[in-house]
PDB file of N, CA and C in Angstrom:
ATOM      1  N   MET A   1     -50.604   7.099  28.293  1.00  0.00           N
ATOM      2  CA  MET A   1     -49.947   6.139  29.403  1.00  0.00           C
ATOM      3  C   MET A   1     -51.295   5.466  29.767  1.00  0.00           C
ATOM      4  N   ASP A   2     -51.288   4.511  29.946  1.00  0.00           N
ATOM      5  CA  ASP A   2     -52.388   3.152  30.789  1.00  0.00           C
ATOM      6  C   ASP A   2     -52.786   4.183  31.990  1.00  0.00           C
ATOM      7  N   ASP A   3     -52.219   4.331  32.907  1.00  0.00           N
ATOM      8  CA  ASP A   3     -52.960   4.740  34.243  1.00  0.00           C
ATOM      9  C   ASP A   3     -51.668   5.436  35.663  1.00  0.00           C
ATOM     10  N   PRO A   4     -52.126   6.392  34.678  1.00  0.00           N
ATOM     11  CA  PRO A   4     -51.171   7.592  35.295  1.00  0.00           C
ATOM     12  C   PRO A   4     -51.330   7.478  37.201  1.00  0.00           C
ATOM     13  N   ILE A   5     -50.507   7.959  37.877  1.00  0.00           N
ATOM     14  CA  ILE A   5     -50.575   7.782  39.375  1.00  0.00           C
ATOM     15  C   ILE A   5     -49.626   8.935  39.763  1.00  0.00           C
ATOM     16  N   ILE A   6     -49.603   9.624  41.027  1.00  0.00           N
ATOM     17  CA  ILE A   6     -49.258  10.460  41.733  1.00  0.00           C
ATOM     18  C   ILE A   6     -48.906   9.246  43.076  1.00  0.00           C
ATOM     19  N   VAL A   7     -47.342   8.929  43.086  1.00  0.00           N
ATOM     20  CA  VAL A   7     -46.827   8.397  44.528  1.00  0.00           C
ATOM     21  C   VAL A   7     -46.459   9.685  45.451  1.00  0.00           C
ATOM     22  N   SER A   8     -47.299   9.727  46.612  1.00  0.00           N
ATOM     23  CA  SER A   8     -46.906  10.970  47.840  1.00  0.00           C
ATOM     24  C   SER A   8     -45.918   9.756  48.902  1.00  0.00           C
ATOM     25  N   THR A   9     -44.802  10.627  49.717  1.00  0.00           N
ATOM     26  CA  THR A   9     -44.197  10.012  50.437  1.00  0.00           C
ATOM     27  C   THR A   9     -43.609  11.502  51.530  1.00  0.00           C
ATOM     28  N   ALA A  10     -43.362  11.123  52.620  1.00  0.00           N
ATOM     29  CA  ALA A  10     -43.005  12.509  53.110  1.00  0.00           C
ATOM     30  C   ALA A  10     -41.542  11.853  53.842  1.00  0.00           C
ATOM     31  N   LEU A  11     -40.721  13.285  54.449  1.00  0.00           N
ATOM     32  CA  LEU A  11     -39.172  12.867  55.187  1.00  0.00           C
ATOM     33  C   LEU A  11     -38.900  13.872  55.757  1.00  0.00           C
ATOM     34  N   THR A  12     -38.122  13.290  56.845  1.00  0.00           N
ATOM     35  CA  THR A  12     -37.951  14.731  57.699  1.00  0.00           C
ATOM     36  C   THR A  12     -36.196  15.686  56.845  1.00  0.00           C
ATOM     37  N   GLU A  13     -35.287  14.763  55.594  1.00  0.00           N
ATOM     38  CA  GLU A  13     -33.952  15.140  55.656  1.00  0.00           C
ATOM     39  C   GLU A  13     -34.373  15.567  53.966  1.00  0.00           C
ATOM     40  N   ARG A  14     -34.476  16.161  53.314  1.00  0.00           N
ATOM     41  CA  ARG A  14     -33.940  16.678  51.905  1.00  0.00           C
ATOM     42  C   ARG A  14     -33.217  15.849  50.830  1.00  0.00           C
ATOM     43  N   HIS A  15     -31.961  15.671  51.595  1.00  0.00           N
ATOM     44  CA  HIS A  15     -30.542  14.453  51.290  1.00  0.00           C
ATOM     45  C   HIS A  15     -31.740  12.932  50.786  1.00  0.00           C
ATOM     46  N   ASP A  16     -32.620  12.497  51.905  1.00  0.00           N
ATOM     47  CA  ASP A  16     -33.009  11.282  51.724  1.00  0.00           C
ATOM     48  C   ASP A  16     -34.298  11.449  50.816  1.00  0.00           C
ATOM     49  N   ALA A  17     -34.847  12.744  50.272  1.00  0.00           N
ATOM     50  CA  ALA A  17     -35.954  12.655  49.496  1.00  0.00           C
ATOM     51  C   ALA A  17     -35.318  12.543  47.701  1.00  0.00           C
ATOM     52  N   GLU A  18     -34.057  13.913  47.793  1.00  0.00           N
ATOM     53  CA  GLU A  18     -33.210  13.814  46.710  1.00  0.00           C
ATOM     54  C   GLU A  18     -32.949  12.456  46.584  1.00  0.00           C
ATOM     55  N   ARG A  19     -32.123  11.523  47.086  1.00  0.00           N
ATOM     56  CA  ARG A  19     -31.734  10.463  47.242  1.00  0.00           C
ATOM     57  C   ARG A  19     -32.687   8.908  46.431  1.00  0.00           C
ATOM     58  N   LEU A  20     -33.820   8.837  47.041  1.00  0.00           N
ATOM     59  CA  LEU A  20     -35.107   8.392  46.958  1.00  0.00           C
ATOM     60  C   LEU A  20     -35.493   8.728  45.608  1.00  0.00           C
ATOM     61  N   ALA A  21     -35.402  10.060  45.302  1.00  0.00           N
ATOM     62  CA  ALA A  21     -36.058  10.104  43.508  1.00  0.00           C
ATOM     63  C   ALA A  21     -35.284  10.058  43.273  1.00  0.00           C
ATOM     64  N   ARG A  22     -33.761  10.518  43.038  1.00  0.00           N
ATOM     65  CA  ARG A  22     -33.117  10.307  42.091  1.00  0.00           C
ATOM     66  C   ARG A  22     -32.686   8.064  41.956  1.00  0.00           C
ATOM     67  N   LEU A  23     -32.859   7.406  43.075  1.00  0.00           N
ATOM     68  CA  LEU A  23     -32.381   5.983  43.136  1.00  0.00           C
ATOM     69  C   LEU A  23     -34.010   5.607  42.013  1.00  0.00           C
ATOM     70  N   LEU A  24     -35.156   6.066  42.274  1.00  0.00           N
ATOM     71  CA  LEU A  24     -36.596   5.154  41.667  1.00  0.00           C
ATOM     72  C   LEU A  24     -36.129   5.866  40.016  1.00  0.00           C
ATOM     73  N   LEU A  25     -35.609   7.151  39.805  1.00  0.00           N
ATOM     74  CA  LEU A  25     -35.681   7.739  38.259  1.00  0.00           C
ATOM     75  C   LEU A  25     -34.540   7.014  37.522  1.00  0.00           C
ATOM     76  N   GLU A  26     -33.039   6.675  38.293  1.00  0.00           N
ATOM     77  CA  GLU A  26     -32.359   5.523  37.816  1.00  0.00           C
ATOM     78  C   GLU A  26     -33.051   3.870  37.638  1.00  0.00           C
ATOM     79  N   GLU A  27     -33.381   3.770  38.094  1.00  0.00           N
ATOM     80  CA  GLU A  27     -34.586   2.367  38.083  1.00  0.00           C
ATOM     81  C   GLU A  27     -35.798   1.853  37.025  1.00  0.00           C
ATOM     82  N   LYS A  28     -36.075   4.149  36.840  1.00  0.00           N
ATOM     83  CA  LYS A  28     -36.796   3.824  35.391  1.00  0.00           C
ATOM     84  C   LYS A  28     -38.323   3.529  36.242  1.00  0.00           C
ATOM     85  N   LEU A  29     -38.377   3.586  37.508  1.00  0.00           N
ATOM     86  CA  LEU A  29     -39.736   3.526  38.336  1.00  0.00           C
ATOM     87  C   LEU A  29     -40.898   4.457  38.029  1.00  0.00           C
ATOM     88  N   ILE A  30     -40.266   5.689  37.521  1.00  0.00           N
ATOM     89  CA  ILE A  30     -40.857   7.261  37.842  1.00  0.00           C
ATOM     90  C   ILE A  30     -40.308   7.810  36.769  1.00  0.00           C
ATOM     91  N   ALA A  31     -41.356   8.538  36.436  1.00  0.00           N
ATOM     92  CA  ALA A  31     -40.701   9.909  35.094  1.00  0.00           C
ATOM     93  C   ALA A  31     -40.504  11.028  35.783  1.00  0.00           C
ATOM     94  N   CYS A  32     -40.611  11.396  37.032  1.00  0.00           N
ATOM     95  CA  CYS A  32     -40.651  12.984  37.525  1.00  0.00           C
ATOM     96  C   CYS A  32     -40.549  12.681  38.888  1.00  0.00           C
ATOM     97  N   ALA A  33     -39.719  13.463  40.015  1.00  0.00           N
ATOM     98  CA  ALA A  33     -40.381  13.641  41.245  1.00  0.00           C
ATOM     99  C   ALA A  33     -39.923  15.245  41.569  1.00  0.00           C
ATOM    100  N   GLN A  34     -41.114  15.373  42.182  1.00  0.00           N
ATOM    101  CA  GLN A  34     -41.169  16.856  42.688  1.00  0.00           C
ATOM    102  C   GLN A  34     -40.996  17.031  44.277  1.00  0.00           C
ATOM    103  N   ILE A  35     -40.160  17.074  44.634  1.00  0.00           N
ATOM    104  CA  ILE A  35     -39.857  17.399  46.172  1.00  0.00           C
ATOM    105  C   ILE A  35     -39.763  19.041  46.479  1.00  0.00           C
ATOM    106  N   LEU A  36     -40.657  19.277  47.758  1.00  0.00           N
ATOM    107  CA  LEU A  36     -41.398  20.435  48.338  1.00  0.00           C
ATOM    108  C   LEU A  36     -41.565  20.232  49.919  1.00  0.00           C
ATOM    109  N   GLY A  37     -41.266  21.486  49.977  1.00  0.00           N
ATOM    110  CA  GLY A  37     -40.650  21.507  51.811  1.00  0.00           C
ATOM    111  C   GLY A  37     -39.662  22.132  51.892  1.00  0.00           C
ATOM    112  N   PRO A  38     -39.450  22.529  53.734  1.00  0.00           N
ATOM    113  CA  PRO A  38     -40.428  21.826  54.081  1.00  0.00           C
ATOM    114  C   PRO A  38     -41.800  22.110  54.806  1.00  0.00           C
ATOM    115  N   GLY A  39     -42.263  21.747  54.640  1.00  0.00           N
ATOM    116  CA  GLY A  39     -43.835  21.640  55.334  1.00  0.00           C
ATOM    117  C   GLY A  39     -43.872  21.047  57.213  1.00  0.00           C
ATOM    118  N   GLN A  40     -45.145  21.270  57.586  1.00  0.00           N
ATOM    119  CA  GLN A  40     -45.377  21.068  58.886  1.00  0.00           C
ATOM    120  C   GLN A  40     -46.397  19.683  58.789  1.00  0.00           C
ATOM    121  N   SER A  41     -45.969  18.572  59.745  1.00  0.00           N
ATOM    122  CA  SER A  41     -46.904  17.677  59.344  1.00  0.00           C
ATOM    123  C   SER A  41     -47.860  17.438  60.938  1.00  0.00           C
ATOM    124  N   LEU A  42     -48.710  17.581  61.667  1.00  0.00           N
ATOM    125  CA  LEU A  42     -49.243  16.844  62.459  1.00  0.00           C
ATOM    126  C   LEU A  42     -50.069  15.663  62.444  1.00  0.00           C
ATOM    127  N   TYR A  43     -49.600  14.874  62.914  1.00  0.00           N
ATOM    128  CA  TYR A  43     -50.172  12.976  63.133  1.00  0.00           C
ATOM    129  C   TYR A  43     -50.441  12.276  63.992  1.00  0.00           C
ATOM    130  N   TRP A  44     -51.286  11.326  64.340  1.00  0.00           N
ATOM    131  CA  TRP A  44     -50.920  10.758  65.448  1.00  0.00           C
ATOM    132  C   TRP A  44     -49.844   9.856  65.489  1.00  0.00           C
ATOM    133  N   TRP A  45     -48.996   9.726  66.411  1.00  0.00           N
ATOM    134  CA  TRP A  45     -48.271   8.611  66.555  1.00  0.00           C
ATOM    135  C   TRP A  45     -47.928   7.758  68.104  1.00  0.00           C
ATOM    136  N   GLN A  46     -48.384   6.757  68.053  1.00  0.00           N
ATOM    137  CA  GLN A  46     -48.390   5.898  69.147  1.00  0.00           C
ATOM    138  C   GLN A  46     -48.591   6.438  70.331  1.00  0.00           C
ATOM    139  N   GLY A  47     -50.277   6.588  70.202  1.00  0.00           N
ATOM    140  CA  GLY A  47     -50.912   7.466  71.657  1.00  0.00           C
ATOM    141  C   GLY A  47     -51.108   8.900  71.685  1.00  0.00           C
ATOM    142  N   LYS A  48     -50.551   9.671  70.343  1.00  0.00           N
ATOM    143  CA  LYS A  48     -49.889  11.009  71.090  1.00  0.00           C
ATOM    144  C   LYS A  48     -49.877  11.492  69.462  1.00  0.00           C
ATOM    145  N   ILE A  49     -50.447  13.111  69.883  1.00  0.00           N
ATOM    146  CA  ILE A  49     -50.125  13.877  68.582  1.00  0.00           C
ATOM    147  C   ILE A  49     -48.661  14.306  68.586  1.00  0.00           C
ATOM    148  N   GLU A  50     -48.182  14.148  67.120  1.00  0.00           N
ATOM    149  CA  GLU A  50     -46.610  14.547  66.762  1.00  0.00           C
ATOM    150  C   GLU A  50     -46.931  15.606  66.100  1.00  0.00           C
ATOM    151  N   GLU A  51     -45.475  16.734  65.709  1.00  0.00           N
ATOM    152  CA  GLU A  51     -45.720  17.606  64.950  1.00  0.00           C
ATOM    153  C   GLU A  51     -44.477  17.759  64.438  1.00  0.00           C
ATOM    154  N   THR A  52     -44.326  17.380  62.791  1.00  0.00           N
ATOM    155  CA  THR A  52     -42.740  17.176  62.488  1.00  0.00           C
ATOM    156  C   THR A  52     -42.534  18.116  61.256  1.00  0.00           C
ATOM    157  N   SER A  53     -41.294  19.008  61.165  1.00  0.00           N
ATOM    158  CA  SER A  53     -40.704  19.662  59.685  1.00  0.00           C
ATOM    159  C   SER A  53     -40.627  18.224  58.997  1.00  0.00           C
ATOM    160  N   GLU A  54     -41.440  18.643  57.463  1.00  0.00           N
ATOM    161  CA  GLU A  54     -41.506  17.695  56.431  1.00  0.00           C
ATOM    162  C   GLU A  54     -41.135  17.967  55.664  1.00  0.00           C
ATOM    163  N   ILE A  55     -40.695  17.271  54.226  1.00  0.00           N
ATOM    164  CA  ILE A  55     -39.941  17.425  53.034  1.00  0.00           C
ATOM    165  C   ILE A  55     -41.269  16.874  52.233  1.00  0.00           C
ATOM    166  N   PHE A  56     -41.980  16.602  51.456  1.00  0.00           N
ATOM    167  CA  PHE A  56     -43.005  16.224  50.531  1.00  0.00           C
ATOM    168  C   PHE A  56     -42.448  15.503  49.345  1.00  0.00           C
ATOM    169  N   LEU A  57     -42.796  14.718  48.361  1.00  0.00           N
ATOM    170  CA  LEU A  57     -42.608  13.735  47.665  1.00  0.00           C
ATOM    171  C   LEU A  57     -43.134  13.578  46.880  1.00  0.00           C
ATOM    172  N   PHE A  58     -43.399  13.946  45.388  1.00  0.00           N
ATOM    173  CA  PHE A  58     -44.553  13.726  44.310  1.00  0.00           C
ATOM    174  C   PHE A  58     -43.975  13.274  43.471  1.00  0.00           C
ATOM    175  N   LEU A  59     -43.986  11.739  43.493  1.00  0.00           N
ATOM    176  CA  LEU A  59     -43.350  10.860  42.013  1.00  0.00           C
ATOM    177  C   LEU A  59     -44.549  10.486  40.895  1.00  0.00           C
ATOM    178  N   LYS A  60     -44.215  10.522  40.119  1.00  0.00           N
ATOM    179  CA  LYS A  60     -45.153  10.307  38.894  1.00  0.00           C
ATOM    180  C   LYS A  60     -44.681   8.981  37.918  1.00  0.00           C
ATOM    181  N   THR A  61     -45.812   8.440  38.019  1.00  0.00           N
ATOM    182  CA  THR A  61     -45.914   6.755  37.817  1.00  0.00           C
ATOM    183  C   THR A  61     -46.617   6.466  36.742  1.00  0.00           C
ATOM    184  N   ASP A  62     -46.803   4.933  36.423  1.00  0.00           N
ATOM    185  CA  ASP A  62     -47.724   4.240  35.916  1.00  0.00           C
ATOM    186  C   ASP A  62     -48.309   3.618  37.156  1.00  0.00           C
ATOM    187  N   ARG A  63     -49.905   3.512  37.277  1.00  0.00           N
ATOM    188  CA  ARG A  63     -50.301   1.977  38.219  1.00  0.00           C
ATOM    189  C   ARG A  63     -49.821   0.702  38.091  1.00  0.00           C
ATOM    190  N   SER A  64     -49.146   0.305  36.945  1.00  0.00           N
ATOM    191  CA  SER A  64     -48.524  -0.933  37.043  1.00  0.00           C
ATOM    192  C   SER A  64     -47.400  -1.024  37.399  1.00  0.00           C
ATOM    193  N   LEU A  65     -46.653  -0.011  37.651  1.00  0.00           N
ATOM    194  CA  LEU A  65     -45.203   0.133  38.380  1.00  0.00           C
ATOM    195  C   LEU A  65     -45.928   0.453  40.401  1.00  0.00           C
ATOM    196  N   PHE A  66     -46.875   0.806  40.308  1.00  0.00           N
ATOM    197  CA  PHE A  66     -47.042   0.558  41.856  1.00  0.00           C
ATOM    198  C   PHE A  66     -46.159   0.158  42.813  1.00  0.00           C
ATOM    199  N   LYS A  67     -46.647  -1.596  42.832  1.00  0.00           N
ATOM    200  CA  LYS A  67     -45.816  -2.366  43.622  1.00  0.00           C
ATOM    201  C   LYS A  67     -44.136  -2.452  43.266  1.00  0.00           C
ATOM    202  N   ARG A  68     -43.909  -1.495  42.918  1.00  0.00           N
ATOM    203  CA  ARG A  68     -42.189  -1.920  42.737  1.00  0.00           C
ATOM    204  C   ARG A  68     -41.842  -0.680  43.413  1.00  0.00           C
ATOM    205  N   VAL A  69     -42.363   0.898  43.070  1.00  0.00           N
ATOM    206  CA  VAL A  69     -42.038   1.522  43.021  1.00  0.00           C
ATOM    207  C   VAL A  69     -42.688   1.509  45.184  1.00  0.00           C
ATOM    208  N   GLU A  70     -43.094   1.390  45.497  1.00  0.00           N
ATOM    209  CA  GLU A  70     -43.744   1.184  46.816  1.00  0.00           C
ATOM    210  C   GLU A  70     -43.122   0.092  47.704  1.00  0.00           C
ATOM    211  N   GLN A  71     -42.593  -0.808  47.277  1.00  0.00           N
ATOM    212  CA  GLN A  71     -41.371  -1.511  47.568  1.00  0.00           C
ATOM    213  C   GLN A  71     -39.909  -0.733  47.902  1.00  0.00           C
ATOM    214  N   ARG A  72     -40.008  -0.171  46.688  1.00  0.00           N
ATOM    215  CA  ARG A  72     -38.314   0.858  47.030  1.00  0.00           C
ATOM    216  C   ARG A  72     -38.722   1.630  48.384  1.00  0.00           C
ATOM    217  N   ILE A  73     -39.323   2.273  47.946  1.00  0.00           N
ATOM    218  CA  ILE A  73     -40.262   3.516  49.256  1.00  0.00           C
ATOM    219  C   ILE A  73     -39.718   2.620  50.590  1.00  0.00           C
ATOM    220  N   ALA A  74     -40.212   1.685  50.596  1.00  0.00           N
ATOM    221  CA  ALA A  74     -40.567   1.153  51.977  1.00  0.00           C
ATOM    222  C   ALA A  74     -39.153   0.290  52.567  1.00  0.00           C
ATOM    223  N   ALA A  75     -37.983   0.118  51.641  1.00  0.00           N
ATOM    224  CA  ALA A  75     -37.302  -0.321  51.734  1.00  0.00           C
ATOM    225  C   ALA A  75     -35.639   0.613  51.756  1.00  0.00           C
ATOM    226  N   GLU A  76     -35.849   1.787  51.574  1.00  0.00           N
ATOM    227  CA  GLU A  76     -34.916   3.067  51.490  1.00  0.00           C
ATOM    228  C   GLU A  76     -35.628   4.250  52.387  1.00  0.00           C
ATOM    229  N   HIS A  77     -36.325   3.778  52.547  1.00  0.00           N
ATOM    230  CA  HIS A  77     -37.082   4.839  54.184  1.00  0.00           C
ATOM    231  C   HIS A  77     -36.842   4.849  55.157  1.00  0.00           C
ATOM    232  N   PRO A  78     -36.674   6.212  55.715  1.00  0.00           N
ATOM    233  CA  PRO A  78     -36.188   5.782  57.152  1.00  0.00           C
ATOM    234  C   PRO A  78     -36.935   5.530  58.470  1.00  0.00           C
ATOM    235  N   TYR A  79     -38.693   5.937  58.059  1.00  0.00           N
ATOM    236  CA  TYR A  79     -39.786   5.919  58.665  1.00  0.00           C
ATOM    237  C   TYR A  79     -39.500   4.663  59.408  1.00  0.00           C
ATOM    238  N   GLN A  80     -39.944   3.749  60.436  1.00  0.00           N
ATOM    239  CA  GLN A  80     -40.909   2.799  60.414  1.00  0.00           C
ATOM    240  C   GLN A  80     -42.100   2.466  59.908  1.00  0.00           C
ATOM    241  N   ILE A  81     -43.530   3.374  59.691  1.00  0.00           N
ATOM    242  CA  ILE A  81     -44.113   3.199  59.103  1.00  0.00           C
ATOM    243  C   ILE A  81     -44.425   4.264  57.656  1.00  0.00           C
ATOM    244  N   PRO A  82     -43.806   4.656  56.467  1.00  0.00           N
ATOM    245  CA  PRO A  82     -43.748   5.816  55.914  1.00  0.00           C
ATOM    246  C   PRO A  82     -45.156   6.213  55.029  1.00  0.00           C
ATOM    247  N   GLU A  83     -45.259   6.847  54.611  1.00  0.00           N
ATOM    248  CA  GLU A  83     -46.988   7.747  54.020  1.00  0.00           C
ATOM    249  C   GLU A  83     -46.336   7.052  52.324  1.00  0.00           C
ATOM    250  N   ILE A  84     -47.198   6.142  51.723  1.00  0.00           N
ATOM    251  CA  ILE A  84     -46.995   5.873  50.424  1.00  0.00           C
ATOM    252  C   ILE A  84     -48.178   5.195  50.235  1.00  0.00           C
ATOM    253  N   ILE A  85     -48.773   6.487  49.029  1.00  0.00           N
ATOM    254  CA  ILE A  85     -49.920   6.808  49.096  1.00  0.00           C
ATOM    255  C   ILE A  85     -50.239   7.542  47.616  1.00  0.00           C
ATOM    256  N   ALA A  86     -50.892   6.373  46.593  1.00  0.00           N
ATOM    257  CA  ALA A  86     -51.353   7.070  45.194  1.00  0.00           C
ATOM    258  C   ALA A  86     -52.611   7.246  44.898  1.00  0.00           C
ATOM    259  N   THR A  87     -52.594   8.358  44.018  1.00  0.00           N
ATOM    260  CA  THR A  87     -53.521   9.159  43.767  1.00  0.00           C
ATOM    261  C   THR A  87     -53.792   9.571  42.304  1.00  0.00           C
ATOM    262  N   PRO A  88     -54.836   8.770  41.280  1.00  0.00           N
ATOM    263  CA  PRO A  88     -54.901   8.723  40.471  1.00  0.00           C
ATOM    264  C   PRO A  88     -54.796   9.963  39.541  1.00  0.00           C
ATOM    265  N   VAL A  89     -54.702  10.014  38.068  1.00  0.00           N
ATOM    266  CA  VAL A  89     -54.448  10.824  38.038  1.00  0.00           C
ATOM    267  C   VAL A  89     -55.621  11.140  36.452  1.00  0.00           C
ATOM    268  N   ILE A  90     -56.582  11.929  36.688  1.00  0.00           N
ATOM    269  CA  ILE A  90     -58.124  10.757  35.759  1.00  0.00           C
ATOM    270  C   ILE A  90     -57.687  11.775  34.746  1.00  0.00           C
ATOM    271  N   GLU A  91     -57.376  13.329  34.605  1.00  0.00           N
ATOM    272  CA  GLU A  91     -56.679  14.239  33.092  1.00  0.00           C
ATOM    273  C   GLU A  91     -55.518  14.372  33.176  1.00  0.00           C
ATOM    274  N   GLY A  92     -54.922  14.699  32.153  1.00  0.00           N
ATOM    275  CA  GLY A  92     -53.601  14.827  31.674  1.00  0.00           C
ATOM    276  C   GLY A  92     -53.346  15.535  30.446  1.00  0.00           C
ATOM    277  N   SER A  93     -52.397  16.426  30.165  1.00  0.00           N
ATOM    278  CA  SER A  93     -52.178  16.980  28.856  1.00  0.00           C
ATOM    279  C   SER A  93     -51.319  15.727  28.194  1.00  0.00           C
ATOM    280  N   ALA A  94     -52.729  15.165  27.051  1.00  0.00           N
ATOM    281  CA  ALA A  94     -51.820  14.191  26.108  1.00  0.00           C
ATOM    282  C   ALA A  94     -50.244  14.443  25.632  1.00  0.00           C
ATOM    283  N   ASP A  95     -49.677  15.465  25.600  1.00  0.00           N
ATOM    284  CA  ASP A  95     -48.402  15.237  25.702  1.00  0.00           C
ATOM    285  C   ASP A  95     -47.368  14.776  27.009  1.00  0.00           C
ATOM    286  N   TYR A  96     -48.134  15.342  28.139  1.00  0.00           N
ATOM    287  CA  TYR A  96     -46.931  14.914  29.155  1.00  0.00           C
ATOM    288  C   TYR A  96     -47.512  13.370  29.519  1.00  0.00           C
ATOM    289  N   LEU A  97     -48.753  13.056  29.389  1.00  0.00           N
ATOM    290  CA  LEU A  97     -49.025  11.877  29.437  1.00  0.00           C
ATOM    291  C   LEU A  97     -47.839  10.595  28.988  1.00  0.00           C
ATOM    292  N   ALA A  98     -47.829  11.050  27.098  1.00  0.00           N
ATOM    293  CA  ALA A  98     -47.016  10.664  26.301  1.00  0.00           C
ATOM    294  C   ALA A  98     -45.941  10.296  26.724  1.00  0.00           C
ATOM    295  N   TRP A  99     -45.520  11.580  26.676  1.00  0.00           N
ATOM    296  CA  TRP A  99     -43.763  11.553  27.685  1.00  0.00           C
ATOM    297  C   TRP A  99     -43.585  10.589  29.101  1.00  0.00           C
ATOM    298  N   MET A 100     -44.092  11.064  30.180  1.00  0.00           N
ATOM    299  CA  MET A 100     -44.274   9.737  31.651  1.00  0.00           C
ATOM    300  C   MET A 100     -44.313   8.351  30.837  1.00  0.00           C
ATOM    301  N   LYS A 101     -44.796   8.558  29.708  1.00  0.00           N
ATOM    302  CA  LYS A 101     -45.060   6.866  29.470  1.00  0.00           C
ATOM    303  C   LYS A 101     -43.657   6.587  28.742  1.00  0.00           C
ATOM    304  N   GLY A 102     -43.420   7.340  28.283  1.00  0.00           N
ATOM    305  CA  GLY A 102     -42.059   6.760  27.244  1.00  0.00           C
ATOM    306  C   GLY A 102     -41.102   6.841  28.165  1.00  0.00           C
ATOM    307  N   GLU A 103     -40.667   7.201  29.476  1.00  0.00           N
ATOM    308  CA  GLU A 103     -39.891   6.902  30.197  1.00  0.00           C
ATOM    309  C   GLU A 103     -39.774   6.634  31.509  1.00  0.00           C
ATOM    310  N   LEU A 104     -40.932   5.607  31.298  1.00  0.00           N
ATOM    311  CA  LEU A 104     -41.086   4.473  32.333  1.00  0.00           C
ATOM    312  C   LEU A 104     -40.722   3.097  31.748  1.00  0.00           C
ATOM    313  N   SER A 105     -39.741   2.301  32.742  1.00  0.00           N
ATOM    314  CA  SER A 105     -39.639   1.092  32.782  1.00  0.00           C
ATOM    315  C   SER A 105     -41.213   0.106  32.550  1.00  0.00           C
ATOM    316  N   LYS A 106     -41.249  -1.066  31.854  1.00  0.00           N
ATOM    317  CA  LYS A 106     -42.667  -1.504  32.113  1.00  0.00           C
ATOM    318  C   LYS A 106     -42.164  -2.989  31.933  1.00  0.00           C
TER     319      LYS A 106
END
């Protein structure tokens, strides 16, 4: 795999996370999605601290596909400003990374 990354986002509804994950999988923009939660998020929003129960979505992809993944998340996400963060994978099992690469469209 050339440049594997994990893209993370958070949503309030599990069905939204599942729908987004399936959409990205069907478009071959990600090889895998992990849906975790609910968990609690605390954050600043419009001048005050908010607390929200959220579902966390972790998407396995390649850096070359990030812009397309980012655009798709932004278009489908219910939040005004969704979290869309990419974290590099610095090491990984060669077999797993080869599997990921084989599942992505380029």
